[in-house]
Amino acid sequence: MRCPKCGSENVQIQAVAELQKRGCLKILLYIVLLCIPVIGWIALIMLLRGRKSKTVNYGVCQSCGHRWRV
Protein backbone atom coordinates (compact mmCIF):
# COMPACT_ATOMS: atom_id res chain seq x y z
CA MET A 1 0.00 0.00 0.00
CA ARG A 2 1.27 3.47 -0.89
CA CYS A 3 0.51 6.88 0.57
CA PRO A 4 -1.57 8.90 -1.92
CA LYS A 5 0.16 12.11 -0.82
CA CYS A 6 3.90 11.27 -0.83
CA GLY A 7 4.05 7.77 -2.39
CA SER A 8 5.82 6.17 0.58
CA GLU A 9 5.25 2.49 1.34
CA ASN A 10 5.77 3.05 5.09
CA VAL A 11 2.02 2.83 5.87
CA GLN A 12 0.23 1.47 8.93
CA ILE A 13 -3.46 0.51 9.20
CA GLN A 14 -5.43 1.70 12.24
CA ALA A 15 -8.96 0.76 13.30
CA VAL A 16 -10.85 3.72 14.80
CA ALA A 17 -14.29 3.70 16.44
CA GLU A 18 -16.35 6.68 15.25
CA LEU A 19 -19.73 7.88 16.45
CA GLN A 20 -22.47 7.97 13.86
CA LYS A 21 -23.89 11.41 13.17
CA ARG A 22 -27.51 12.32 13.78
CA GLY A 23 -29.26 13.76 10.77
CA CYS A 24 -31.17 17.05 10.71
CA LEU A 25 -34.47 15.31 9.97
CA LYS A 26 -34.06 12.98 12.93
CA ILE A 27 -33.43 15.90 15.28
CA LEU A 28 -36.45 17.78 13.88
CA LEU A 29 -38.58 14.67 14.37
CA TYR A 30 -37.50 14.47 18.02
CA ILE A 31 -38.35 18.16 18.53
CA VAL A 32 -41.83 17.65 17.03
CA LEU A 33 -42.41 14.53 19.14
CA LEU A 34 -41.37 16.38 22.31
CA CYS A 35 -44.43 18.62 21.81
CA ILE A 36 -46.73 15.61 22.22
CA PRO A 37 -46.68 14.62 25.94
CA VAL A 38 -46.74 10.80 25.90
CA ILE A 39 -44.73 10.27 22.72
CA GLY A 40 -42.45 13.11 23.78
CA TRP A 41 -41.18 11.14 26.78
CA ILE A 42 -40.35 8.18 24.54
CA ALA A 43 -38.56 10.48 22.09
CA LEU A 44 -36.62 12.11 24.93
CA ILE A 45 -35.46 8.71 26.21
CA MET A 46 -34.36 7.71 22.70
CA LEU A 47 -32.54 11.02 22.27
CA LEU A 48 -30.65 10.67 25.57
CA ARG A 49 -29.93 6.96 25.06
CA GLY A 50 -26.77 7.63 23.12
CA ARG A 51 -25.36 7.15 19.67
CA LYS A 52 -24.04 4.04 17.99
CA SER A 53 -20.43 3.72 16.95
CA LYS A 54 -18.88 1.95 13.99
CA THR A 55 -15.32 0.84 13.33
CA VAL A 56 -13.51 2.47 10.40
CA ASN A 57 -10.08 1.53 9.04
CA TYR A 58 -7.58 4.28 8.21
CA GLY A 59 -4.21 4.10 6.54
CA VAL A 60 -1.62 6.35 8.20
CA CYS A 61 1.62 7.24 6.44
CA GLN A 62 4.56 7.05 8.84
CA SER A 63 6.64 9.39 6.64
CA CYS A 64 4.35 12.39 6.13
CA GLY A 65 1.50 11.72 8.61
CA HIS A 66 -1.25 11.75 5.97
CA ARG A 67 -4.38 9.77 6.99
CA TRP A 68 -6.99 8.32 4.63
CA ARG A 69 -9.88 5.90 4.75
CA VAL A 70 -9.05 2.40 3.53
PDB file of N, CA and C in Angstrom:
ATOM      1  N   MET A   1       0.853  -1.174   0.000  1.00  0.00           N
ATOM      2  CA  MET A   1       0.000   0.000   0.000  1.00  0.00           C
ATOM      3  C   MET A   1       0.897   1.235   0.000  1.00  0.00           C
ATOM      4  N   ARG A   2       0.503   2.227  -0.775  1.00  0.00           N
ATOM      5  CA  ARG A   2       1.269   3.470  -0.885  1.00  0.00           C
ATOM      6  C   ARG A   2       0.441   4.657  -0.391  1.00  0.00           C
ATOM      7  N   CYS A   3       1.143   5.630   0.142  1.00  0.00           N
ATOM      8  CA  CYS A   3       0.509   6.876   0.574  1.00  0.00           C
ATOM      9  C   CYS A   3       0.106   7.667  -0.668  1.00  0.00           C
ATOM     10  N   PRO A   4      -1.158   8.122  -0.753  1.00  0.00           N
ATOM     11  CA  PRO A   4      -1.571   8.902  -1.921  1.00  0.00           C
ATOM     12  C   PRO A   4      -0.934  10.293  -1.973  1.00  0.00           C
ATOM     13  N   LYS A   5      -0.406  10.768  -0.859  1.00  0.00           N
ATOM     14  CA  LYS A   5       0.163  12.111  -0.817  1.00  0.00           C
ATOM     15  C   LYS A   5       1.638  12.127  -1.213  1.00  0.00           C
ATOM     16  N   CYS A   6       2.454  11.231  -0.583  1.00  0.00           N
ATOM     17  CA  CYS A   6       3.896  11.272  -0.830  1.00  0.00           C
ATOM     18  C   CYS A   6       4.422  10.033  -1.562  1.00  0.00           C
ATOM     19  N   GLY A   7       3.624   8.966  -1.675  1.00  0.00           N
ATOM     20  CA  GLY A   7       4.045   7.770  -2.387  1.00  0.00           C
ATOM     21  C   GLY A   7       4.873   6.797  -1.562  1.00  0.00           C
ATOM     22  N   SER A   8       5.027   7.046  -0.284  1.00  0.00           N
ATOM     23  CA  SER A   8       5.817   6.173   0.582  1.00  0.00           C
ATOM     24  C   SER A   8       5.080   4.860   0.832  1.00  0.00           C
ATOM     25  N   GLU A   9       5.843   3.792   1.019  1.00  0.00           N
ATOM     26  CA  GLU A   9       5.251   2.494   1.345  1.00  0.00           C
ATOM     27  C   GLU A   9       5.273   2.224   2.851  1.00  0.00           C
ATOM     28  N   ASN A  10       5.714   3.177   3.637  1.00  0.00           N
ATOM     29  CA  ASN A  10       5.768   3.053   5.095  1.00  0.00           C
ATOM     30  C   ASN A  10       4.398   3.457   5.656  1.00  0.00           C
ATOM     31  N   VAL A  11       3.418   2.547   5.512  1.00  0.00           N
ATOM     32  CA  VAL A  11       2.019   2.828   5.870  1.00  0.00           C
ATOM     33  C   VAL A  11       1.555   1.835   6.917  1.00  0.00           C
ATOM     34  N   GLN A  12       0.788   2.307   7.873  1.00  0.00           N
ATOM     35  CA  GLN A  12       0.226   1.469   8.926  1.00  0.00           C
ATOM     36  C   GLN A  12      -1.294   1.609   8.894  1.00  0.00           C
ATOM     37  N   ILE A  13      -2.000   0.499   9.168  1.00  0.00           N
ATOM     38  CA  ILE A  13      -3.463   0.506   9.201  1.00  0.00           C
ATOM     39  C   ILE A  13      -3.917   0.625  10.654  1.00  0.00           C
ATOM     40  N   GLN A  14      -4.879   1.519  10.901  1.00  0.00           N
ATOM     41  CA  GLN A  14      -5.435   1.698  12.236  1.00  0.00           C
ATOM     42  C   GLN A  14      -6.951   1.569  12.183  1.00  0.00           C
ATOM     43  N   ALA A  15      -7.513   0.871  13.157  1.00  0.00           N
ATOM     44  CA  ALA A  15      -8.964   0.758  13.298  1.00  0.00           C
ATOM     45  C   ALA A  15      -9.415   1.792  14.328  1.00  0.00           C
ATOM     46  N   VAL A  16     -10.374   2.631  13.944  1.00  0.00           N
ATOM     47  CA  VAL A  16     -10.852   3.723  14.796  1.00  0.00           C
ATOM     48  C   VAL A  16     -12.362   3.598  14.955  1.00  0.00           C
ATOM     49  N   ALA A  17     -12.851   3.705  16.186  1.00  0.00           N
ATOM     50  CA  ALA A  17     -14.295   3.703  16.444  1.00  0.00           C
ATOM     51  C   ALA A  17     -14.800   5.130  16.331  1.00  0.00           C
ATOM     52  N   GLU A  18     -15.778   5.345  15.442  1.00  0.00           N
ATOM     53  CA  GLU A  18     -16.347   6.678  15.249  1.00  0.00           C
ATOM     54  C   GLU A  18     -17.832   6.654  15.579  1.00  0.00           C
ATOM     55  N   LEU A  19     -18.313   7.753  16.153  1.00  0.00           N
ATOM     56  CA  LEU A  19     -19.735   7.879  16.454  1.00  0.00           C
ATOM     57  C   LEU A  19     -20.484   8.252  15.187  1.00  0.00           C
ATOM     58  N   GLN A  20     -21.645   7.639  15.012  1.00  0.00           N
ATOM     59  CA  GLN A  20     -22.467   7.972  13.860  1.00  0.00           C
ATOM     60  C   GLN A  20     -23.155   9.307  14.105  1.00  0.00           C
ATOM     61  N   LYS A  21     -23.273  10.083  13.065  1.00  0.00           N
ATOM     62  CA  LYS A  21     -23.891  11.407  13.172  1.00  0.00           C
ATOM     63  C   LYS A  21     -25.402  11.286  13.163  1.00  0.00           C
ATOM     64  N   ARG A  22     -26.043  12.235  13.833  1.00  0.00           N
ATOM     65  CA  ARG A  22     -27.506  12.323  13.781  1.00  0.00           C
ATOM     66  C   ARG A  22     -27.865  13.293  12.671  1.00  0.00           C
ATOM     67  N   GLY A  23     -28.837  12.919  11.873  1.00  0.00           N
ATOM     68  CA  GLY A  23     -29.264  13.764  10.768  1.00  0.00           C
ATOM     69  C   GLY A  23     -30.186  14.881  11.228  1.00  0.00           C
ATOM     70  N   CYS A  24     -30.314  15.902  10.404  1.00  0.00           N
ATOM     71  CA  CYS A  24     -31.174  17.047  10.715  1.00  0.00           C
ATOM     72  C   CYS A  24     -32.637  16.629  10.823  1.00  0.00           C
ATOM     73  N   LEU A  25     -33.065  15.733   9.935  1.00  0.00           N
ATOM     74  CA  LEU A  25     -34.468  15.306   9.970  1.00  0.00           C
ATOM     75  C   LEU A  25     -34.781  14.534  11.247  1.00  0.00           C
ATOM     76  N   LYS A  26     -33.840  13.746  11.712  1.00  0.00           N
ATOM     77  CA  LYS A  26     -34.060  12.981  12.932  1.00  0.00           C
ATOM     78  C   LYS A  26     -34.182  13.920  14.134  1.00  0.00           C
ATOM     79  N   ILE A  27     -33.362  14.936  14.183  1.00  0.00           N
ATOM     80  CA  ILE A  27     -33.432  15.904  15.280  1.00  0.00           C
ATOM     81  C   ILE A  27     -34.748  16.676  15.226  1.00  0.00           C
ATOM     82  N   LEU A  28     -35.163  17.075  14.017  1.00  0.00           N
ATOM     83  CA  LEU A  28     -36.447  17.779  13.878  1.00  0.00           C
ATOM     84  C   LEU A  28     -37.611  16.893  14.296  1.00  0.00           C
ATOM     85  N   LEU A  29     -37.541  15.612  13.969  1.00  0.00           N
ATOM     86  CA  LEU A  29     -38.583  14.670  14.370  1.00  0.00           C
ATOM     87  C   LEU A  29     -38.664  14.584  15.890  1.00  0.00           C
ATOM     88  N   TYR A  30     -37.506  14.513  16.556  1.00  0.00           N
ATOM     89  CA  TYR A  30     -37.495  14.472  18.024  1.00  0.00           C
ATOM     90  C   TYR A  30     -38.102  15.747  18.612  1.00  0.00           C
ATOM     91  N   ILE A  31     -37.807  16.895  18.025  1.00  0.00           N
ATOM     92  CA  ILE A  31     -38.353  18.157  18.530  1.00  0.00           C
ATOM     93  C   ILE A  31     -39.876  18.173  18.389  1.00  0.00           C
ATOM     94  N   VAL A  32     -40.377  17.697  17.247  1.00  0.00           N
ATOM     95  CA  VAL A  32     -41.829  17.647  17.031  1.00  0.00           C
ATOM     96  C   VAL A  32     -42.472  16.680  18.019  1.00  0.00           C
ATOM     97  N   LEU A  33     -41.845  15.518  18.221  1.00  0.00           N
ATOM     98  CA  LEU A  33     -42.410  14.531  19.141  1.00  0.00           C
ATOM     99  C   LEU A  33     -42.380  15.002  20.598  1.00  0.00           C
ATOM    100  N   LEU A  34     -41.436  15.862  20.943  1.00  0.00           N
ATOM    101  CA  LEU A  34     -41.374  16.383  22.310  1.00  0.00           C
ATOM    102  C   LEU A  34     -42.580  17.266  22.636  1.00  0.00           C
ATOM    103  N   CYS A  35     -43.249  17.789  21.597  1.00  0.00           N
ATOM    104  CA  CYS A  35     -44.434  18.619  21.813  1.00  0.00           C
ATOM    105  C   CYS A  35     -45.651  17.776  22.190  1.00  0.00           C
ATOM    106  N   ILE A  36     -45.636  16.513  21.869  1.00  0.00           N
ATOM    107  CA  ILE A  36     -46.731  15.611  22.217  1.00  0.00           C
ATOM    108  C   ILE A  36     -46.342  14.910  23.519  1.00  0.00           C
ATOM    109  N   PRO A  37     -47.112  15.067  24.607  1.00  0.00           N
ATOM    110  CA  PRO A  37     -46.679  14.621  25.941  1.00  0.00           C
ATOM    111  C   PRO A  37     -46.246  13.159  26.051  1.00  0.00           C
ATOM    112  N   VAL A  38     -47.072  12.210  25.681  1.00  0.00           N
ATOM    113  CA  VAL A  38     -46.745  10.800  25.895  1.00  0.00           C
ATOM    114  C   VAL A  38     -45.626  10.349  24.972  1.00  0.00           C
ATOM    115  N   ILE A  39     -45.747  10.665  23.686  1.00  0.00           N
ATOM    116  CA  ILE A  39     -44.731  10.266  22.720  1.00  0.00           C
ATOM    117  C   ILE A  39     -43.449  11.062  22.960  1.00  0.00           C
ATOM    118  N   GLY A  40     -43.602  12.271  23.491  1.00  0.00           N
ATOM    119  CA  GLY A  40     -42.447  13.110  23.781  1.00  0.00           C
ATOM    120  C   GLY A  40     -41.490  12.475  24.775  1.00  0.00           C
ATOM    121  N   TRP A  41     -42.036  11.808  25.794  1.00  0.00           N
ATOM    122  CA  TRP A  41     -41.175  11.143  26.778  1.00  0.00           C
ATOM    123  C   TRP A  41     -40.387  10.008  26.134  1.00  0.00           C
ATOM    124  N   ILE A  42     -41.031   9.263  25.246  1.00  0.00           N
ATOM    125  CA  ILE A  42     -40.349   8.178  24.543  1.00  0.00           C
ATOM    126  C   ILE A  42     -39.247   8.754  23.652  1.00  0.00           C
ATOM    127  N   ALA A  43     -39.551   9.851  22.956  1.00  0.00           N
ATOM    128  CA  ALA A  43     -38.557  10.485  22.086  1.00  0.00           C
ATOM    129  C   ALA A  43     -37.388  11.019  22.902  1.00  0.00           C
ATOM    130  N   LEU A  44     -37.676  11.584  24.077  1.00  0.00           N
ATOM    131  CA  LEU A  44     -36.620  12.107  24.931  1.00  0.00           C
ATOM    132  C   LEU A  44     -35.701  10.990  25.413  1.00  0.00           C
ATOM    133  N   ILE A  45     -36.272   9.860  25.782  1.00  0.00           N
ATOM    134  CA  ILE A  45     -35.456   8.714  26.213  1.00  0.00           C
ATOM    135  C   ILE A  45     -34.582   8.228  25.065  1.00  0.00           C
ATOM    136  N   MET A  46     -35.142   8.144  23.853  1.00  0.00           N
ATOM    137  CA  MET A  46     -34.358   7.708  22.701  1.00  0.00           C
ATOM    138  C   MET A  46     -33.252   8.701  22.373  1.00  0.00           C
ATOM    139  N   LEU A  47     -33.523   9.987  22.557  1.00  0.00           N
ATOM    140  CA  LEU A  47     -32.536  11.018  22.273  1.00  0.00           C
ATOM    141  C   LEU A  47     -31.377  10.966  23.263  1.00  0.00           C
ATOM    142  N   LEU A  48     -31.676  10.704  24.533  1.00  0.00           N
ATOM    143  CA  LEU A  48     -30.647  10.669  25.572  1.00  0.00           C
ATOM    144  C   LEU A  48     -29.935   9.319  25.660  1.00  0.00           C
ATOM    145  N   ARG A  49     -30.458   8.317  24.978  1.00  0.00           N
ATOM    146  CA  ARG A  49     -29.926   6.963  25.057  1.00  0.00           C
ATOM    147  C   ARG A  49     -28.495   6.869  24.561  1.00  0.00           C
ATOM    148  N   GLY A  50     -28.131   7.667  23.635  1.00  0.00           N
ATOM    149  CA  GLY A  50     -26.767   7.629  23.121  1.00  0.00           C
ATOM    150  C   GLY A  50     -26.735   7.306  21.643  1.00  0.00           C
ATOM    151  N   ARG A  51     -25.535   7.406  21.088  1.00  0.00           N
ATOM    152  CA  ARG A  51     -25.357   7.152  19.667  1.00  0.00           C
ATOM    153  C   ARG A  51     -24.556   5.878  19.461  1.00  0.00           C
ATOM    154  N   LYS A  52     -24.764   5.257  18.326  1.00  0.00           N
ATOM    155  CA  LYS A  52     -24.040   4.043  17.987  1.00  0.00           C
ATOM    156  C   LYS A  52     -22.680   4.414  17.413  1.00  0.00           C
ATOM    157  N   SER A  53     -21.745   3.494  17.537  1.00  0.00           N
ATOM    158  CA  SER A  53     -20.435   3.719  16.946  1.00  0.00           C
ATOM    159  C   SER A  53     -20.143   2.620  15.937  1.00  0.00           C
ATOM    160  N   LYS A  54     -19.296   2.935  14.988  1.00  0.00           N
ATOM    161  CA  LYS A  54     -18.880   1.954  13.993  1.00  0.00           C
ATOM    162  C   LYS A  54     -17.360   2.015  13.874  1.00  0.00           C
ATOM    163  N   THR A  55     -16.768   0.919  13.463  1.00  0.00           N
ATOM    164  CA  THR A  55     -15.320   0.843  13.330  1.00  0.00           C
ATOM    165  C   THR A  55     -14.928   1.142  11.888  1.00  0.00           C
ATOM    166  N   VAL A  56     -13.980   2.054  11.716  1.00  0.00           N
ATOM    167  CA  VAL A  56     -13.510   2.472  10.398  1.00  0.00           C
ATOM    168  C   VAL A  56     -12.004   2.258  10.341  1.00  0.00           C
ATOM    169  N   ASN A  57     -11.515   1.744   9.212  1.00  0.00           N
ATOM    170  CA  ASN A  57     -10.078   1.530   9.040  1.00  0.00           C
ATOM    171  C   ASN A  57      -9.456   2.711   8.306  1.00  0.00           C
ATOM    172  N   TYR A  58      -8.326   3.190   8.827  1.00  0.00           N
ATOM    173  CA  TYR A  58      -7.582   4.282   8.213  1.00  0.00           C
ATOM    174  C   TYR A  58      -6.160   3.824   7.939  1.00  0.00           C
ATOM    175  N   GLY A  59      -5.625   4.285   6.817  1.00  0.00           N
ATOM    176  CA  GLY A  59      -4.206   4.103   6.536  1.00  0.00           C
ATOM    177  C   GLY A  59      -3.490   5.362   6.979  1.00  0.00           C
ATOM    178  N   VAL A  60      -2.375   5.199   7.706  1.00  0.00           N
ATOM    179  CA  VAL A  60      -1.620   6.350   8.201  1.00  0.00           C
ATOM    180  C   VAL A  60      -0.190   6.228   7.694  1.00  0.00           C
ATOM    181  N   CYS A  61       0.256   7.230   6.964  1.00  0.00           N
ATOM    182  CA  CYS A  61       1.621   7.244   6.442  1.00  0.00           C
ATOM    183  C   CYS A  61       2.574   7.612   7.578  1.00  0.00           C
ATOM    184  N   GLN A  62       3.599   6.801   7.771  1.00  0.00           N
ATOM    185  CA  GLN A  62       4.564   7.049   8.839  1.00  0.00           C
ATOM    186  C   GLN A  62       5.605   8.083   8.421  1.00  0.00           C
ATOM    187  N   SER A  63       5.657   8.417   7.127  1.00  0.00           N
ATOM    188  CA  SER A  63       6.640   9.390   6.638  1.00  0.00           C
ATOM    189  C   SER A  63       6.104  10.825   6.704  1.00  0.00           C
ATOM    190  N   CYS A  64       4.884  11.024   6.185  1.00  0.00           N
ATOM    191  CA  CYS A  64       4.351  12.393   6.131  1.00  0.00           C
ATOM    192  C   CYS A  64       3.194  12.638   7.087  1.00  0.00           C
ATOM    193  N   GLY A  65       2.586  11.559   7.645  1.00  0.00           N
ATOM    194  CA  GLY A  65       1.505  11.718   8.608  1.00  0.00           C
ATOM    195  C   GLY A  65       0.127  11.815   7.981  1.00  0.00           C
ATOM    196  N   HIS A  66       0.045  11.680   6.665  1.00  0.00           N
ATOM    197  CA  HIS A  66      -1.250  11.751   5.973  1.00  0.00           C
ATOM    198  C   HIS A  66      -2.127  10.563   6.396  1.00  0.00           C
ATOM    199  N   ARG A  67      -3.424  10.815   6.576  1.00  0.00           N
ATOM    200  CA  ARG A  67      -4.380   9.772   6.992  1.00  0.00           C
ATOM    201  C   ARG A  67      -5.524   9.715   5.992  1.00  0.00           C
ATOM    202  N   TRP A  68      -5.893   8.498   5.578  1.00  0.00           N
ATOM    203  CA  TRP A  68      -6.991   8.323   4.627  1.00  0.00           C
ATOM    204  C   TRP A  68      -7.754   7.062   4.969  1.00  0.00           C
ATOM    205  N   ARG A  69      -8.997   7.043   4.498  1.00  0.00           N
ATOM    206  CA  ARG A  69      -9.884   5.901   4.748  1.00  0.00           C
ATOM    207  C   ARG A  69      -9.530   4.769   3.797  1.00  0.00           C
ATOM    208  N   VAL A  70      -9.407   3.564   4.343  1.00  0.00           N
ATOM    209  CA  VAL A  70      -9.051   2.396   3.531  1.00  0.00           C
ATOM    210  C   VAL A  70     -10.305   1.665   3.139  1.00  0.00           C
TER     211      VAL A  70
END
